[in-house]
Amino acid sequence: MKNKLKDVYVVDGLRTPFTKAMGKPNPLSAADLAVAAAGPLLARQPFKPSEINEVIAGCVAPGADEVNIARIIALRSGCGIEVPAFTVQRNCASGLQALESAALNIRSGKSELVLAGGTECMSRAPLLYPNEMAIFLAQLRSRKGLIDQLKSLLQFRPYFLKPIFSLLKGLSDPIVNLSMGQTAENLVYEFGITREAMDAFSVQSHNRASAAQKEGLFEEITPLFDWQGGMIESDNGVREGSTVEKLATLKPVFDKPFGSVTAGNSSQVTDGAAFLILASESSVKKYDLPVLGKIIDTAWAALDPAIMGLGPVYAIQKLLQEQDLSLSDIDYWEMNEAFAAQMLACLKSLGSIPPDKLNVDGGAIAIGHPVGATGARLVLHLLHVLKRNGAKRGIASLCIGGGQGGAMLVEAF
């Protein structure tokens, strides 16, 4: 049955620089970031944006005025009113889910050309207030007379104004009542991972990303311009000259004071977008499109949310089994560095992945992890890595909050 399905080609892709959250909202929203990547990407194609069959975007937390953000992206990127669009959400793998959804529609013949990817503006995660505040305001609005309104005002308590950080809520699992960082600490204890090993892995990520920036290896990045006249050309969370000694001075965040997971060996809270154009063989021939590679297959797996960081292990093993491949058949890997602890636990579980074939240009610890966009970034950069090294097969994989894992097999063309 699989042999009868259409091939799925990755034609092109662009992403914005990933910008580290600096304690204040980004002047650009998630939709703004997406258009900054999708607009230039579509503009350099030989077909009109209106010839795209659909737009699929991953986004975990779009703004209140960006509901079904994919449709906003489609319209603002010039696709026209007749191009449908939908948004997907699979936590950290939302961008990967967007690509798979696009690939499935192309394989089945429902679509020929699809713009797919993801976007996230984590710095714009809103502040919330307790339910008591909402109840208080509702009761106050329902009172008609001045006396009743004054009585309602007397019910106010100062703690009604205590802010709730929605980003922290979103990065916590309600089933096991643990933050993502705490699930990483679980892996530290289970696998006996040392703080020194975690910090060393983090330094490697920064050093590789810094070297890649200097060598111009992030060719998929398009400059980002904001409304205030600023321009960013590269990921700004990369720390050149990072050392194990410097990281050792940081205190644990999620298991104070005894833990090992710090801000320095975790992925950064980041804003950014990444989009790819996927096409059928007939579209490639029709428009004489260049091809980066092919999407071969995707696998999803689930596990205990308390150890969600092992998700890639389950998904990769499932994908390799379905494709009758072994670890040695894969030339390069892009695995999302949610936490150094999570990465080291996955590597201990999988085994035999050469260090010089994994995240060769750094990962999320250095580059950042805008959750809706990362899956698309991994696939896009993996294809560039395969191409420049004359390699064939690669796997991009992520752990997923809530206890899941995703993995996508691609081939260079």
Protein backbone atom coordinates (compact mmCIF):
# COMPACT_ATOMS: atom_id res chain seq x y z
CA MET A 1 0.00 0.00 0.00
CA LYS A 2 2.80 2.45 0.84
CA ASN A 3 4.34 1.97 -2.61
CA LYS A 4 1.17 3.36 -4.20
CA LEU A 5 1.34 6.59 -2.26
CA LYS A 6 2.89 9.69 -3.79
CA ASP A 7 6.35 10.87 -2.86
CA VAL A 8 6.68 14.05 -0.81
CA TYR A 9 9.44 16.49 -1.73
CA VAL A 10 10.81 19.35 0.36
CA VAL A 11 11.34 22.15 -2.15
CA ASP A 12 12.64 24.99 0.00
CA GLY A 13 12.48 26.49 3.46
CA LEU A 14 13.32 29.52 5.54
CA ARG A 15 13.29 30.39 9.20
CA THR A 16 13.72 33.53 11.23
CA PRO A 17 16.57 33.94 13.67
CA PHE A 18 15.53 32.50 17.00
CA THR A 19 15.52 35.32 19.54
CA LYS A 20 15.97 34.74 23.24
CA ALA A 21 13.20 36.10 25.45
CA MET A 22 14.61 39.04 27.40
CA GLY A 23 11.95 39.44 30.06
CA LYS A 24 9.58 41.53 27.97
CA PRO A 25 7.19 40.84 25.09
CA ASN A 26 8.67 40.64 21.62
CA PRO A 27 7.48 43.55 19.44
CA LEU A 28 6.59 40.87 16.86
CA SER A 29 3.76 38.42 17.44
CA ALA A 30 3.77 34.75 16.45
CA ALA A 31 1.97 35.64 13.21
CA ASP A 32 4.48 38.43 12.50
CA LEU A 33 7.35 35.98 12.93
CA ALA A 34 5.67 33.43 10.68
CA VAL A 35 5.09 35.95 7.90
CA ALA A 36 8.71 37.08 8.21
CA ALA A 37 9.74 33.54 7.22
CA ALA A 38 6.87 32.50 4.93
CA GLY A 39 6.66 35.76 2.96
CA PRO A 40 10.24 35.75 1.59
CA LEU A 41 10.04 31.99 1.09
CA LEU A 42 6.99 32.26 -1.16
CA ALA A 43 8.32 35.35 -2.92
CA ARG A 44 11.36 33.50 -4.28
CA GLN A 45 9.36 30.63 -5.80
CA PRO A 46 8.52 30.32 -9.52
CA PHE A 47 4.83 29.88 -8.71
CA LYS A 48 2.37 32.38 -7.27
CA PRO A 49 1.53 32.15 -3.55
CA SER A 50 -2.11 31.67 -4.58
CA GLU A 51 -1.11 28.36 -6.21
CA ILE A 52 -0.39 26.87 -2.79
CA ASN A 53 -3.12 24.32 -1.99
CA GLU A 54 -3.12 24.86 1.76
CA VAL A 55 -1.18 26.30 4.68
CA ILE A 56 -0.57 24.28 7.84
CA ALA A 57 1.07 25.85 10.89
CA GLY A 58 2.07 24.51 14.27
CA CYS A 59 1.66 26.86 17.21
CA VAL A 60 1.19 26.03 20.88
CA ALA A 61 0.03 29.39 22.20
CA PRO A 62 -1.07 31.89 19.55
CA GLY A 63 -2.17 35.31 20.71
CA ALA A 64 -5.80 35.95 21.59
CA ASP A 65 -6.15 37.79 18.29
CA GLU A 66 -4.42 35.03 16.30
CA VAL A 67 -6.93 32.21 16.54
CA ASN A 68 -6.28 29.69 13.72
CA ILE A 69 -2.98 31.43 13.14
CA ALA A 70 -2.37 29.41 9.97
CA ARG A 71 -5.17 31.28 8.21
CA ILE A 72 -3.71 34.62 9.28
CA ILE A 73 -0.32 33.53 7.98
CA ALA A 74 -1.82 32.43 4.66
CA LEU A 75 -3.62 35.72 4.10
CA ARG A 76 -0.75 37.95 5.20
CA SER A 77 1.77 35.99 3.12
CA GLY A 78 -0.21 36.70 -0.03
CA CYS A 79 -1.76 33.28 -0.62
CA GLY A 80 -5.16 34.86 -1.22
CA ILE A 81 -8.60 34.31 0.20
CA GLU A 82 -9.16 30.98 -1.57
CA VAL A 83 -6.26 29.10 0.04
CA PRO A 84 -7.48 27.16 3.12
CA ALA A 85 -5.39 26.86 6.26
CA PHE A 86 -5.43 25.11 9.61
CA THR A 87 -3.39 25.11 12.80
CA VAL A 88 -2.05 22.04 14.61
CA GLN A 89 -0.84 21.62 18.19
CA ARG A 90 1.26 18.76 19.53
CA ASN A 91 3.23 20.69 22.13
CA CYS A 92 6.96 20.73 21.29
CA ALA A 93 6.40 18.79 18.06
CA SER A 94 3.75 21.10 16.59
CA GLY A 95 6.02 22.13 13.72
CA LEU A 96 6.80 18.47 12.98
CA GLN A 97 3.08 17.67 13.09
CA ALA A 98 2.42 20.42 10.54
CA LEU A 99 4.95 18.83 8.18
CA GLU A 100 3.47 15.37 8.63
CA SER A 101 -0.06 16.65 8.07
CA ALA A 102 1.10 18.29 4.85
CA ALA A 103 2.98 15.16 3.78
CA LEU A 104 -0.07 12.95 4.36
CA ASN A 105 -2.24 15.17 2.17
CA ILE A 106 0.33 15.16 -0.61
CA ARG A 107 0.79 11.38 -0.38
CA SER A 108 -2.95 10.83 -0.72
CA GLY A 109 -3.27 13.25 -3.64
CA LYS A 110 -5.40 15.79 -1.79
CA SER A 111 -2.71 18.46 -2.14
CA GLU A 112 0.12 19.20 -4.54
CA LEU A 113 1.81 22.23 -2.94
CA VAL A 114 1.71 22.98 0.80
CA LEU A 115 3.28 25.66 2.97
CA ALA A 116 3.91 24.07 6.37
CA GLY A 117 5.90 24.83 9.48
CA GLY A 118 5.53 26.45 12.85
CA THR A 119 5.81 29.61 14.87
CA GLU A 120 5.92 30.66 18.50
CA CYS A 121 6.30 33.86 20.47
CA MET A 122 6.97 32.56 23.95
CA SER A 123 7.89 36.00 25.27
CA ARG A 124 4.27 37.06 24.68
CA ALA A 125 2.80 34.37 26.90
CA PRO A 126 0.14 36.32 28.82
CA LEU A 127 -0.14 36.96 32.51
CA LEU A 128 -3.32 35.50 34.00
CA TYR A 129 -5.26 36.19 37.17
CA PRO A 130 -6.88 33.74 39.61
CA ASN A 131 -10.45 32.59 38.98
CA GLU A 132 -11.48 34.56 42.06
CA MET A 133 -10.69 37.75 40.17
CA ALA A 134 -12.89 36.70 37.25
CA ILE A 135 -15.74 35.84 39.65
CA PHE A 136 -15.31 39.17 41.44
CA LEU A 137 -15.48 41.15 38.18
CA ALA A 138 -18.48 39.15 36.97
CA GLN A 139 -20.38 39.83 40.17
CA LEU A 140 -19.43 43.51 40.08
CA ARG A 141 -20.74 43.87 36.53
CA SER A 142 -24.00 42.18 37.44
CA ARG A 143 -24.81 44.66 40.23
CA LYS A 144 -27.17 47.42 39.13
CA GLY A 145 -27.40 49.89 42.00
CA LEU A 146 -24.61 51.87 43.63
CA ILE A 147 -25.19 50.23 47.02
CA ASP A 148 -24.93 46.71 45.57
CA GLN A 149 -21.81 47.69 43.63
CA LEU A 150 -20.18 48.99 46.81
CA LYS A 151 -21.05 45.74 48.60
CA SER A 152 -19.39 43.82 45.79
CA LEU A 153 -16.30 45.99 45.99
CA LEU A 154 -15.95 45.05 49.64
CA GLN A 155 -15.49 41.43 48.56
CA PHE A 156 -12.21 42.27 46.81
CA ARG A 157 -9.06 40.70 48.23
CA PRO A 158 -5.48 41.70 47.26
CA TYR A 159 -4.55 38.14 46.28
CA PHE A 160 -7.08 38.42 43.41
CA LEU A 161 -4.35 40.42 41.63
CA LYS A 162 -1.60 37.85 42.09
CA PRO A 163 -0.42 37.13 38.53
CA ILE A 164 -0.21 33.62 37.11
CA PHE A 165 2.53 33.08 34.53
CA SER A 166 0.85 31.17 31.72
CA LEU A 167 4.22 30.10 30.31
CA LEU A 168 5.02 28.24 33.53
CA LYS A 169 1.56 26.66 33.50
CA GLY A 170 2.06 25.58 29.90
CA LEU A 171 5.43 24.03 30.67
CA SER A 172 3.94 21.87 33.43
CA ASP A 173 2.17 18.55 33.11
CA PRO A 174 -1.23 18.49 34.85
CA ILE A 175 -1.40 14.68 34.94
CA VAL A 176 1.80 14.04 36.88
CA ASN A 177 1.96 17.57 38.34
CA LEU A 178 5.55 18.10 37.26
CA SER A 179 7.23 20.83 35.24
CA MET A 180 9.21 19.81 32.19
CA GLY A 181 12.38 20.58 34.13
CA GLN A 182 11.32 18.23 36.91
CA THR A 183 10.80 15.44 34.38
CA ALA A 184 14.39 16.07 33.28
CA GLU A 185 15.52 15.73 36.90
CA ASN A 186 13.76 12.34 36.96
CA LEU A 187 16.01 11.23 34.11
CA VAL A 188 19.08 12.52 35.94
CA TYR A 189 18.28 10.23 38.87
CA GLU A 190 17.20 7.26 36.75
CA PHE A 191 20.25 7.28 34.46
CA GLY A 192 22.86 8.55 36.92
CA ILE A 193 23.72 11.59 34.79
CA THR A 194 26.25 13.94 36.33
CA ARG A 195 26.05 17.72 36.42
CA GLU A 196 29.47 17.87 34.74
CA ALA A 197 28.26 15.76 31.80
CA MET A 198 25.19 17.95 31.37
CA ASP A 199 27.21 21.17 31.42
CA ALA A 200 29.77 19.71 29.02
CA PHE A 201 27.01 18.77 26.58
CA SER A 202 25.65 22.31 26.82
CA VAL A 203 29.05 23.86 26.12
CA GLN A 204 29.37 21.62 23.07
CA SER A 205 26.00 22.88 21.80
CA HIS A 206 27.06 26.52 22.13
CA ASN A 207 30.48 25.90 20.61
CA ARG A 208 29.02 24.08 17.62
CA ALA A 209 26.37 26.73 17.04
CA SER A 210 28.93 29.51 17.35
CA ALA A 211 31.23 27.79 14.84
CA ALA A 212 28.34 27.24 12.45
CA GLN A 213 27.42 30.93 12.63
CA LYS A 214 30.98 31.96 11.82
CA GLU A 215 31.12 29.54 8.89
CA GLY A 216 27.76 30.69 7.50
CA LEU A 217 26.17 27.26 7.84
CA PHE A 218 22.72 28.52 8.82
CA GLU A 219 21.84 29.41 5.26
CA GLU A 220 18.15 28.80 5.93
CA ILE A 221 17.88 31.94 8.11
CA THR A 222 16.27 35.08 6.70
CA PRO A 223 16.84 38.42 8.49
CA LEU A 224 14.19 39.58 10.92
CA PHE A 225 13.03 43.20 11.04
CA ASP A 226 10.84 44.62 13.79
CA TRP A 227 8.52 47.61 13.91
CA GLN A 228 11.11 49.62 15.82
CA GLY A 229 13.71 49.57 13.03
CA GLY A 230 15.75 46.75 14.50
CA MET A 231 17.28 43.90 12.48
CA ILE A 232 18.43 40.49 13.68
CA GLU A 233 20.41 38.27 11.32
CA SER A 234 21.30 35.31 13.53
CA ASP A 235 20.18 33.38 16.60
CA ASN A 236 21.00 35.62 19.54
CA GLY A 237 21.06 33.04 22.33
CA VAL A 238 24.32 31.46 21.25
CA ARG A 239 27.05 32.15 23.82
CA GLU A 240 30.52 32.17 22.31
CA GLY A 241 33.18 31.09 24.76
CA SER A 242 30.84 29.16 27.03
CA THR A 243 32.73 26.92 29.47
CA VAL A 244 31.92 24.16 31.92
CA GLU A 245 33.42 26.31 34.68
CA LYS A 246 30.99 29.16 33.95
CA LEU A 247 27.98 26.86 33.79
CA ALA A 248 29.00 25.22 37.05
CA THR A 249 28.26 28.47 38.89
CA LEU A 250 24.55 28.33 37.99
CA LYS A 251 22.12 27.03 40.59
CA PRO A 252 19.50 24.32 39.94
CA VAL A 253 16.09 25.64 38.96
CA PHE A 254 13.67 22.73 39.27
CA ASP A 255 14.89 20.75 42.27
CA LYS A 256 16.38 23.23 44.71
CA PRO A 257 18.95 22.90 46.14
CA PHE A 258 19.91 19.34 45.20
CA GLY A 259 19.10 19.12 41.49
CA SER A 260 21.32 19.38 38.43
CA VAL A 261 19.09 20.98 35.79
CA THR A 262 19.93 24.67 35.40
CA ALA A 263 19.13 27.45 32.98
CA GLY A 264 22.52 26.80 31.41
CA ASN A 265 21.90 23.16 30.52
CA SER A 266 18.30 23.64 29.38
CA SER A 267 16.83 24.95 26.14
CA GLN A 268 16.12 28.66 26.06
CA VAL A 269 12.73 30.37 26.09
CA THR A 270 12.72 31.69 22.56
CA ASP A 271 10.67 33.29 19.78
CA GLY A 272 10.88 32.26 16.14
CA ALA A 273 9.29 30.68 13.07
CA ALA A 274 10.27 28.13 10.42
CA PHE A 275 8.39 27.21 7.22
CA LEU A 276 8.94 24.74 4.40
CA ILE A 277 7.32 24.18 1.03
CA LEU A 278 6.33 20.57 0.39
CA ALA A 279 5.40 19.39 -3.10
CA SER A 280 4.30 16.36 -5.09
CA GLU A 281 6.40 15.03 -7.94
CA SER A 282 3.98 16.51 -10.48
CA SER A 283 4.40 20.00 -8.96
CA VAL A 284 8.18 19.63 -8.93
CA LYS A 285 8.08 18.87 -12.66
CA LYS A 286 5.41 21.46 -13.47
CA TYR A 287 7.34 24.36 -11.95
CA ASP A 288 10.84 22.91 -12.41
CA LEU A 289 11.43 23.20 -8.67
CA PRO A 290 14.75 22.54 -6.95
CA VAL A 291 14.51 19.84 -4.30
CA LEU A 292 16.21 19.66 -0.90
CA GLY A 293 14.99 16.17 -0.12
CA LYS A 294 12.09 13.84 0.54
CA ILE A 295 10.01 13.09 3.62
CA ILE A 296 9.99 9.31 3.89
CA ASP A 297 8.03 8.53 7.04
CA THR A 298 7.06 9.74 10.51
CA ALA A 299 6.52 7.87 13.77
CA TRP A 300 4.82 8.93 16.98
CA ALA A 301 5.09 7.21 20.34
CA ALA A 302 3.81 7.73 23.87
CA LEU A 303 5.22 7.07 27.33
CA ASP A 304 4.92 8.08 30.98
CA PRO A 305 4.69 11.90 31.14
CA ALA A 306 7.02 11.86 34.15
CA ILE A 307 9.88 10.78 31.85
CA MET A 308 8.68 12.54 28.71
CA GLY A 309 12.28 13.36 27.69
CA LEU A 310 12.76 9.75 26.53
CA GLY A 311 10.13 10.28 23.83
CA PRO A 312 12.68 10.30 20.97
CA VAL A 313 13.89 6.83 21.97
CA TYR A 314 10.43 5.33 21.58
CA ALA A 315 9.66 7.20 18.36
CA ILE A 316 13.04 6.52 16.72
CA GLN A 317 12.91 2.81 17.52
CA LYS A 318 9.40 2.62 16.10
CA LEU A 319 10.40 4.50 12.95
CA LEU A 320 13.48 2.35 12.34
CA GLN A 321 11.46 -0.83 12.81
CA GLU A 322 8.77 0.31 10.38
CA GLN A 323 11.40 1.18 7.77
CA ASP A 324 13.54 -1.92 8.43
CA LEU A 325 16.55 0.25 9.23
CA SER A 326 19.16 0.31 11.99
CA LEU A 327 20.87 3.19 13.75
CA SER A 328 23.91 2.73 11.52
CA ASP A 329 21.79 3.35 8.42
CA ILE A 330 21.21 6.96 9.49
CA ASP A 331 23.86 9.43 8.36
CA TYR A 332 22.91 12.47 10.45
CA TRP A 333 20.60 13.26 13.34
CA GLU A 334 18.84 16.37 14.62
CA MET A 335 17.39 15.78 18.07
CA ASN A 336 15.83 18.60 20.03
CA GLU A 337 17.88 19.58 23.06
CA ALA A 338 15.05 20.27 25.47
CA PHE A 339 17.49 19.55 28.32
CA ALA A 340 21.03 18.22 28.37
CA ALA A 341 19.82 15.58 30.84
CA GLN A 342 17.14 14.45 28.42
CA MET A 343 19.60 14.23 25.54
CA LEU A 344 22.12 12.22 27.53
CA ALA A 345 19.41 9.85 28.74
CA CYS A 346 18.22 9.31 25.16
CA LEU A 347 21.76 8.64 23.97
CA LYS A 348 22.32 6.14 26.77
CA SER A 349 19.08 4.39 25.81
CA LEU A 350 19.66 4.38 22.04
CA GLY A 351 23.42 3.88 21.96
CA SER A 352 25.77 3.94 18.96
CA ILE A 353 24.91 7.41 17.62
CA PRO A 354 28.30 8.96 16.78
CA PRO A 355 28.70 12.38 18.45
CA ASP A 356 29.92 13.89 15.17
CA LYS A 357 26.65 12.92 13.47
CA LEU A 358 24.27 14.43 16.05
CA ASN A 359 23.32 18.12 16.14
CA VAL A 360 26.51 18.97 14.31
CA ASP A 361 25.72 22.71 14.32
CA GLY A 362 24.42 22.87 17.88
CA GLY A 363 20.90 22.51 19.18
CA ALA A 364 18.18 24.13 21.23
CA ILE A 365 20.38 24.68 24.29
CA ALA A 366 22.27 27.23 22.19
CA ILE A 367 19.80 28.11 19.44
CA GLY A 368 16.58 28.12 21.45
CA HIS A 369 13.30 26.23 21.38
CA PRO A 370 10.23 28.20 20.23
CA VAL A 371 8.00 25.20 20.79
CA GLY A 372 5.72 25.56 17.76
CA ALA A 373 8.61 26.08 15.34
CA THR A 374 11.36 23.71 16.47
CA GLY A 375 10.12 20.60 14.66
CA ALA A 376 10.19 22.43 11.33
CA ARG A 377 13.62 23.89 12.11
CA LEU A 378 15.07 20.46 12.82
CA VAL A 379 13.88 19.00 9.52
CA LEU A 380 14.95 22.01 7.48
CA HIS A 381 18.45 22.14 8.94
CA LEU A 382 18.86 18.38 8.76
CA LEU A 383 18.26 18.50 5.01
CA HIS A 384 20.92 21.19 4.64
CA VAL A 385 23.37 19.12 6.71
CA LEU A 386 22.74 16.06 4.54
CA LYS A 387 23.19 18.08 1.37
CA ARG A 388 26.47 19.74 2.33
CA ASN A 389 27.96 16.46 3.50
CA GLY A 390 26.82 14.41 0.53
CA ALA A 391 24.84 12.15 2.84
CA LYS A 392 21.53 10.38 2.25
CA ARG A 393 19.43 9.65 5.33
CA GLY A 394 18.61 11.68 8.42
CA ILE A 395 16.21 11.58 11.33
CA ALA A 396 14.79 14.58 13.18
CA SER A 397 13.25 13.86 16.57
CA LEU A 398 11.75 15.59 19.61
CA CYS A 399 10.48 14.78 23.06
CA ILE A 400 6.99 16.12 23.67
CA GLY A 401 5.48 17.45 26.87
CA GLY A 402 2.71 15.16 28.07
CA GLY A 403 4.72 12.02 27.39
CA GLN A 404 5.18 11.61 23.64
CA GLY A 405 7.93 11.45 21.07
CA GLY A 406 8.08 12.16 17.37
CA ALA A 407 10.61 11.24 14.69
CA MET A 408 10.74 11.99 10.95
CA LEU A 409 12.93 10.19 8.41
CA VAL A 410 14.12 12.29 5.47
CA GLU A 411 16.39 11.66 2.52
CA ALA A 412 18.54 14.16 0.68
CA PHE A 413 17.81 14.47 -3.03
